[in-house]
Protein backbone atom coordinates (compact mmCIF):
# COMPACT_ATOMS: atom_id res chain seq x y z
CA MET A 1 -212.87 271.71 -133.84
CA LYS A 2 -212.66 267.93 -133.88
CA ASN A 3 -210.17 268.07 -136.72
CA LYS A 4 -207.95 270.42 -134.73
CA LYS A 5 -207.88 267.97 -131.78
CA ILE A 6 -207.21 264.95 -133.93
CA LEU A 7 -204.20 266.49 -135.73
CA PRO A 8 -201.86 266.59 -132.66
CA VAL A 9 -202.77 263.00 -131.88
CA ILE A 10 -201.87 261.88 -135.38
CA ILE A 11 -198.55 263.73 -135.19
CA TYR A 12 -197.80 262.12 -131.82
CA VAL A 13 -198.57 258.62 -133.10
CA ILE A 14 -196.42 259.11 -136.17
CA THR A 15 -193.53 260.42 -134.06
CA LEU A 16 -193.82 257.58 -131.58
CA SER A 17 -193.91 255.02 -134.38
CA ALA A 18 -190.78 256.48 -135.88
CA LEU A 19 -189.03 256.38 -132.52
CA MET A 20 -190.09 252.77 -131.94
CA SER A 21 -188.99 251.88 -135.42
CA GLY A 22 -185.59 253.44 -134.82
CA PHE A 23 -185.30 251.63 -131.51
CA SER A 24 -186.09 248.33 -133.18
CA ILE A 25 -183.44 248.82 -135.86
CA SER A 26 -180.82 249.87 -133.31
CA LYS A 27 -181.57 246.83 -131.20
CA ALA A 28 -181.24 244.53 -134.22
CA THR A 29 -177.94 246.14 -135.04
CA GLU A 30 -176.64 245.46 -131.58
CA ASN A 31 -177.35 241.74 -131.93
CA LYS A 32 -174.43 239.50 -132.85
CA LEU A 33 -174.08 239.52 -136.63
CA GLY A 34 -173.88 236.29 -138.58
CA SER A 35 -171.18 235.24 -141.00
CA TRP A 36 -170.87 233.11 -144.10
CA GLN A 37 -167.78 231.38 -145.38
CA GLU A 38 -166.81 229.15 -148.26
CA GLU A 39 -163.67 227.12 -148.94
CA ILE A 40 -162.83 226.46 -152.58
CA GLN A 41 -159.84 224.57 -153.98
CA VAL A 42 -158.28 226.31 -156.96
CA LYS A 43 -155.37 225.30 -159.17
CA ALA A 44 -152.24 227.18 -158.12
CA ASN A 45 -151.95 228.96 -161.46
CA GLN A 46 -155.59 230.15 -161.34
CA VAL A 47 -155.65 231.77 -157.89
CA LYS A 48 -155.23 235.32 -159.19
CA ASP A 49 -158.14 235.03 -161.64
CA PHE A 50 -160.31 233.35 -159.03
CA LYS A 51 -159.71 236.08 -156.42
CA GLU A 52 -160.59 238.74 -158.95
CA SER A 53 -163.92 237.01 -159.52
CA ILE A 54 -164.95 236.91 -155.85
CA GLU A 55 -168.19 238.83 -155.27
CA GLN A 56 -168.09 241.72 -152.81
CA GLU A 57 -171.67 241.09 -151.69
CA ILE A 58 -173.80 237.96 -151.58
CA ASN A 59 -177.35 237.23 -150.53
CA LYS A 60 -178.01 233.99 -148.71
CA ASN A 61 -181.52 233.07 -147.62
CA GLY A 62 -182.58 236.69 -147.72
CA VAL A 63 -179.59 237.87 -145.64
CA LEU A 64 -177.10 240.30 -147.15
CA TYR A 65 -173.39 239.66 -146.53
CA LYS A 66 -170.33 241.75 -147.35
CA LEU A 67 -166.87 240.36 -148.12
CA ASP A 68 -164.84 240.46 -144.92
CA ASN A 69 -161.67 238.47 -145.52
CA VAL A 70 -159.97 236.23 -148.09
CA SER A 71 -157.26 233.83 -146.93
CA GLU A 72 -155.23 231.19 -148.72
CA LYS A 73 -153.79 227.83 -147.75
CA GLU A 74 -151.38 226.11 -150.10
CA ASN A 75 -151.82 222.39 -150.73
CA SER A 76 -148.71 220.55 -151.85
CA LYS A 77 -148.15 217.18 -153.47
CA THR A 78 -145.08 215.02 -153.98
CA LEU A 79 -143.71 214.44 -157.47
CA THR A 80 -141.56 211.34 -157.95
CA LYS A 81 -139.45 210.24 -160.90
CA ASP A 82 -136.78 207.66 -161.72
CA GLU A 83 -133.24 209.01 -162.02
CA LYS A 84 -129.97 207.62 -163.41
CA VAL A 85 -126.55 209.16 -162.83
CA GLU A 86 -123.17 208.01 -164.16
CA LYS A 87 -119.93 208.57 -162.28
CA GLN A 88 -116.36 208.13 -163.56
CA LEU A 89 -112.96 207.56 -161.92
CA ILE A 90 -109.41 207.28 -163.27
CA VAL A 91 -107.93 204.01 -161.93
CA ASN A 92 -104.64 202.13 -162.25
CA THR A 93 -106.12 198.64 -162.47
CA LYS A 94 -108.77 196.84 -164.44
CA ASP A 95 -109.59 194.37 -161.71
CA ARG A 96 -113.37 194.78 -161.28
CA GLU A 97 -113.53 194.11 -157.54
CA ASN A 98 -110.73 196.53 -156.78
CA VAL A 99 -112.29 199.20 -158.98
CA LEU A 100 -115.77 198.84 -157.42
CA ASP A 101 -114.25 199.39 -153.97
CA LEU A 102 -113.16 202.84 -155.14
CA PHE A 103 -116.77 204.00 -155.78
CA ASP A 104 -119.32 205.16 -153.18
CA GLN A 105 -122.18 202.71 -152.75
CA GLU A 106 -124.77 205.52 -152.53
CA LEU A 107 -125.04 208.91 -154.16
CA LYS A 108 -127.16 211.79 -152.83
CA ILE A 109 -128.27 214.25 -155.48
CA LYS A 110 -130.21 217.49 -155.90
CA LYS A 111 -131.55 218.28 -159.35
CA ASP A 112 -134.19 220.78 -160.49
CA GLY A 113 -135.67 220.89 -157.00
CA TYR A 114 -135.73 217.08 -156.69
CA ILE A 115 -133.71 215.30 -154.00
CA GLY A 116 -133.01 211.62 -153.39
CA THR A 117 -130.45 208.86 -152.82
CA LEU A 118 -129.29 206.63 -155.68
CA LYS A 119 -127.63 203.21 -155.28
CA ILE A 120 -124.76 201.82 -157.32
CA ASP A 121 -125.42 199.12 -159.91
CA ASN A 122 -122.28 196.93 -159.84
CA SER A 123 -123.22 195.20 -163.08
CA SER A 124 -123.04 198.52 -164.93
CA LEU A 125 -119.27 198.92 -164.37
CA ARG A 126 -117.30 199.59 -167.58
CA ILE A 127 -113.49 199.82 -167.69
CA LYS A 128 -111.52 201.00 -170.71
CA PRO A 129 -107.98 202.28 -171.33
CA ASN A 130 -107.49 205.98 -170.77
CA ASP A 131 -103.83 207.10 -171.01
CA ILE A 132 -102.15 204.83 -173.59
CA TYR A 133 -99.18 204.98 -175.98
CA GLU A 134 -97.27 202.67 -178.39
CA GLU A 135 -93.62 201.68 -177.94
CA GLU A 136 -91.02 199.48 -179.75
CA TYR A 137 -89.00 196.74 -178.07
CA LYS A 138 -86.48 194.04 -179.12
CA LEU A 139 -86.60 190.25 -178.97
CA TYR A 140 -83.46 188.08 -179.15
CA TYR A 141 -82.85 184.61 -180.50
CA GLU A 142 -79.73 182.41 -180.92
CA GLU A 143 -78.88 179.45 -183.17
CA LYS A 144 -75.80 177.30 -182.35
CA TYR A 145 -73.64 175.34 -184.81
CA GLU A 146 -70.96 172.77 -183.75
CA ASN A 147 -67.96 171.33 -185.59
CA VAL A 148 -68.57 173.26 -188.79
CA LYS A 149 -65.67 172.92 -191.25
CA ARG A 150 -65.78 176.54 -192.36
CA ASN A 151 -66.69 179.68 -190.48
CA GLU A 152 -68.69 181.02 -193.35
CA LEU A 153 -72.31 182.27 -193.54
CA ASN A 154 -73.21 180.68 -196.80
CA ASN A 155 -75.27 177.97 -195.16
CA VAL A 156 -76.46 180.12 -192.26
CA PRO A 157 -80.04 181.59 -192.60
CA LYS A 158 -80.13 185.33 -192.39
CA ILE A 159 -83.86 185.46 -191.45
CA ILE A 160 -85.70 183.13 -189.09
CA LYS A 161 -89.42 183.06 -188.18
CA LYS A 162 -90.40 181.82 -184.74
CA ASN A 163 -93.92 181.91 -183.21
CA GLY A 164 -95.06 184.48 -185.72
CA THR A 165 -92.05 186.74 -185.14
CA THR A 166 -89.41 187.45 -187.79
CA TYR A 167 -85.78 187.52 -186.56
CA TYR A 168 -82.82 188.94 -188.47
CA LEU A 169 -79.20 187.81 -188.12
CA VAL A 170 -77.25 190.64 -186.56
CA ASN A 171 -74.17 189.10 -184.94
CA PRO A 172 -72.53 185.79 -185.99
CA VAL A 173 -69.89 184.59 -183.45
CA TRP A 174 -67.41 181.82 -184.42
CA THR A 175 -65.07 179.92 -182.14
CA ILE A 176 -62.43 177.22 -183.07
CA SER A 177 -63.57 173.86 -181.85
CA LYS A 178 -60.67 171.67 -183.22
CA THR A 179 -57.16 172.26 -184.56
CA GLU A 180 -54.47 170.16 -186.29
CA LYS A 181 -50.64 170.63 -186.27
CA ILE A 182 -49.29 171.19 -189.67
CA ASP A 183 -45.63 172.15 -190.02
CA GLY A 184 -45.56 172.92 -186.35
CA GLN A 185 -48.59 175.17 -186.41
CA ASP A 186 -52.13 174.66 -185.02
CA ILE A 187 -54.45 174.89 -187.96
CA PRO A 188 -58.28 175.09 -187.30
CA ILE A 189 -60.15 172.20 -188.84
CA SER A 190 -63.62 172.85 -187.35
CA TYR A 191 -65.61 175.66 -185.77
CA ASP A 192 -68.49 176.25 -183.35
CA GLY A 193 -70.84 179.10 -184.19
CA THR A 194 -73.40 181.12 -182.28
CA MET A 195 -75.71 183.07 -184.59
CA LYS A 196 -77.42 185.94 -182.79
CA TYR A 197 -80.73 187.26 -184.16
CA GLU A 198 -82.93 190.24 -183.25
CA ALA A 199 -86.56 191.18 -183.89
CA ILE A 200 -88.25 194.57 -183.37
CA LYS A 201 -91.87 194.58 -182.21
CA LYS A 202 -94.45 197.17 -181.05
CA ARG A 203 -96.73 197.09 -178.03
CA ILE A 204 -99.43 199.26 -176.38
CA VAL A 205 -98.60 200.61 -172.95
CA ILE A 206 -101.57 201.57 -170.69
CA ASN A 207 -100.77 204.01 -167.91
CA ASN A 208 -104.32 204.08 -166.44
CA TYR A 209 -107.98 203.28 -167.09
CA ILE A 210 -111.27 205.15 -166.94
CA ALA A 211 -114.01 203.37 -164.99
CA THR A 212 -117.70 204.27 -165.37
CA VAL A 213 -120.55 203.08 -163.14
CA SER A 214 -124.28 203.90 -162.99
CA TYR A 215 -126.44 204.80 -160.00
CA PHE A 216 -130.22 204.30 -160.01
CA GLY A 217 -133.07 205.38 -157.73
CA LYS A 218 -136.10 207.60 -157.25
CA ILE A 219 -135.99 211.31 -156.50
CA GLU A 220 -138.86 213.52 -155.38
CA LYS A 221 -139.89 217.10 -154.69
CA GLU A 222 -142.80 218.95 -153.11
CA VAL A 223 -144.81 221.30 -155.35
CA ILE A 224 -147.80 223.53 -154.74
CA ASP A 225 -150.70 221.78 -156.47
CA THR A 226 -153.80 223.64 -155.34
CA VAL A 227 -154.69 226.51 -153.06
CA THR A 228 -157.64 226.43 -150.69
CA VAL A 229 -159.18 229.88 -150.80
CA LYS A 230 -161.28 230.69 -147.75
CA VAL A 231 -163.78 233.45 -148.47
CA GLN A 232 -165.40 234.97 -145.37
CA TYR A 233 -168.43 237.23 -145.45
CA LYS A 234 -169.94 239.24 -142.63
CA GLU A 235 -173.62 239.94 -142.27
CA VAL A 236 -174.62 243.48 -143.11
CA PRO A 237 -176.51 245.10 -140.21
CA LYS A 238 -180.18 245.43 -141.05
CA LYS A 239 -180.09 249.20 -140.94
CA GLU A 240 -177.19 249.32 -143.36
CA SER A 241 -178.79 246.57 -145.42
CA THR A 242 -181.99 248.55 -145.60
CA VAL A 243 -180.07 251.64 -146.70
CA ILE A 244 -178.32 249.64 -149.41
CA GLU A 245 -181.57 248.15 -150.66
CA THR A 246 -183.23 251.57 -150.53
CA GLU A 247 -180.41 253.10 -152.52
CA LYS A 248 -180.78 250.33 -155.07
CA GLU A 249 -184.53 250.98 -155.30
CA GLN A 250 -183.93 254.71 -155.58
CA LYS A 251 -181.42 254.19 -158.36
CA SER A 252 -183.83 251.98 -160.23
CA SER A 253 -186.69 254.44 -159.72
CA ILE A 254 -184.52 257.35 -160.81
CA THR A 255 -183.41 255.49 -163.92
CA ALA A 256 -186.96 255.21 -165.25
CA PRO A 257 -187.71 258.94 -165.70
CA VAL A 258 -184.22 259.53 -167.06
CA VAL A 259 -184.80 256.85 -169.67
CA THR A 260 -188.23 258.30 -170.38
CA ALA A 261 -186.59 261.66 -170.84
CA GLY A 262 -184.81 260.29 -173.86
CA ALA A 263 -181.51 258.72 -172.69
CA GLY A 264 -181.77 255.83 -175.09
CA ILE A 265 -178.13 254.88 -174.52
CA ILE A 266 -178.91 254.04 -170.87
CA ILE A 267 -181.73 251.74 -172.01
CA CYS A 268 -179.37 249.88 -174.34
CA SER A 269 -176.66 249.63 -171.67
CA GLY A 270 -179.16 248.23 -169.18
CA ILE A 271 -180.37 245.61 -171.63
CA ILE A 272 -176.83 244.61 -172.48
CA PHE A 273 -175.88 244.30 -168.79
CA ILE A 274 -178.94 242.23 -167.95
CA SER A 275 -178.49 239.90 -170.90
CA ARG A 276 -174.70 239.64 -170.63
CA LYS A 277 -173.54 236.26 -171.93
CA ASN A 278 -171.65 234.07 -169.52
CA ILE A 279 -170.74 231.17 -171.85
CA LEU A 280 -168.80 231.15 -175.13
CA ILE A 281 -169.15 228.12 -177.41
CA TYR A 282 -166.40 227.32 -179.93
CA ASN A 283 -166.29 224.75 -182.77
CA TYR A 284 -162.99 223.33 -184.06
CA GLN A 285 -162.71 224.19 -187.75
CA ASN A 286 -159.72 224.19 -190.10
CA ASN A 287 -157.24 223.64 -187.25
CA ASN A 288 -158.62 226.61 -185.31
CA TRP A 289 -161.26 227.30 -182.70
CA LYS A 290 -164.14 229.33 -184.14
CA LEU A 291 -166.61 231.15 -181.89
CA VAL A 292 -170.05 229.96 -183.00
CA ARG A 293 -172.23 231.62 -180.39
CA LYS A 294 -172.60 233.11 -176.92
CA GLU A 295 -175.15 231.97 -174.35
CA LYS A 296 -176.65 233.22 -171.10
CA VAL A 297 -177.09 230.29 -168.69
CA LYS A 298 -178.50 230.30 -165.17
CA ALA A 299 -176.02 228.96 -162.63
CA SER A 300 -178.73 226.98 -160.85
CA GLU A 301 -179.65 224.99 -163.99
CA LYS A 302 -176.15 223.57 -164.57
CA LEU A 303 -177.03 222.85 -168.19
CA VAL A 304 -175.20 223.93 -171.35
CA ASP A 305 -176.83 223.21 -174.72
CA ILE A 306 -174.28 223.06 -177.56
CA THR A 307 -176.69 221.65 -180.16
CA PRO A 308 -175.60 223.39 -183.39
CA GLN A 309 -177.76 226.16 -184.77
CA ASN A 310 -175.82 226.49 -188.01
CA ASN A 311 -173.58 224.30 -190.14
CA GLU A 312 -170.82 223.56 -187.63
CA ILE A 313 -168.46 221.30 -189.51
CA SER A 314 -166.81 219.43 -186.62
CA ARG A 315 -167.98 217.49 -183.58
CA LYS A 316 -165.27 218.95 -181.39
CA TYR A 317 -166.43 221.76 -179.11
CA LYS A 318 -164.96 223.99 -176.44
CA ILE A 319 -167.04 225.67 -173.74
CA VAL A 320 -165.53 228.75 -172.07
CA LEU A 321 -167.09 229.88 -168.78
CA LYS A 322 -166.95 233.49 -167.66
CA ASN A 323 -165.45 234.08 -164.20
CA ASP A 324 -168.74 234.52 -162.29
CA LEU A 325 -170.21 231.29 -163.64
CA TYR A 326 -166.94 229.39 -163.30
CA THR A 327 -166.72 230.38 -159.63
CA LYS A 328 -170.23 229.13 -158.94
CA TRP A 329 -169.76 225.87 -160.85
CA TYR A 330 -166.25 225.04 -159.73
CA GLY A 331 -166.02 221.46 -158.46
CA GLN A 332 -169.58 220.65 -159.49
CA ASN A 333 -171.03 218.42 -162.20
CA ILE A 334 -172.84 220.07 -165.09
CA THR A 335 -174.75 218.60 -168.05
CA VAL A 336 -173.73 219.32 -171.64
CA LYS A 337 -176.51 218.65 -174.18
CA TYR A 338 -175.91 217.82 -177.85
CA PHE A 339 -179.18 216.97 -179.64
CA ASP A 340 -180.48 213.99 -177.65
CA LYS A 341 -177.11 213.17 -176.08
CA GLN A 342 -176.11 214.33 -172.62
CA PHE A 343 -172.61 214.45 -171.15
CA ILE A 344 -171.72 214.94 -167.47
CA CYS A 345 -168.66 217.14 -166.89
CA ASN A 346 -166.97 218.10 -163.63
CA VAL A 347 -165.87 221.74 -163.68
CA LYS A 348 -162.18 222.01 -162.81
CA GLU A 349 -161.12 224.56 -165.43
CA ASN A 350 -162.92 227.46 -167.04
CA GLU A 351 -162.47 225.77 -170.44
CA ILE A 352 -164.13 222.43 -171.21
CA GLU A 353 -163.31 220.54 -174.41
CA ILE A 354 -165.75 217.86 -175.49
CA LEU A 355 -166.00 215.52 -178.48
CA VAL A 356 -169.58 214.69 -179.37
């Protein structure tokens, strides 16, 4: 009889406990949920890989958070470089001052995304003939003779050289300077002569000139250098968190009998997943990188041991971090160990080359 009376009481207590438990969970769910956020700077060309590596769930101080939002903010930097530009004009004079007045003193340019203002360098001005041709022209020269007894050319030079120019006799002109009456006639007894000479020369005619001047200065452009990725997580309500954890426990508890039942493949898969390597170590050999081994490293230890296990012929190594580990180590210092040497490296890329 006592047992029959006790049974309803036990059922009542169990039911009440369940109700109270449900009330407690509901109340906790109604409380304002916490959040967790991280801001990480990533190289602009690595944003896609980084976003793919973001974890959907994280656990911080025993609190479970789910990914809520990912936002990006681009960070730019200014690139500057020296620039030189040449400009040309066709001019009709070679007077330097007059030519310089024809050029702009400043030159604004846009090139490959760069912009800037360049200034003229007057000392760089070069002027040279542009439209030129060769032509022939004549020079004239005269020699005079007075009171010559005969108007003959025997004693008259046919070629004369003056100031480096050769003249040729082309037109001798004689005039009577004196006469004498013989038998009533005026007979010439002396002559005056004018010997006309010509020379043909060539000369270069310049119609215009080409003037060239240089401009110098600095040009700059803005480029996207890094991207600040803001990762925001939202706290999972305790009820939902409990369900998630319970499901995980159930999955793990279900796995055991299945494995026991003979699914050896599942055992192997589980071992492989648990022991998945997150670091690849390469040695530089024969002008190529050779994978020498894979390692599993805890993110919290921040230590990579590359001490050779076999005959690695070079002292040049490359460490490749898998995405999960790279995300956790990004921007932090890690220690690389080689025998008794230790090197401190700051993680900025997922590949680290080191010479030991």
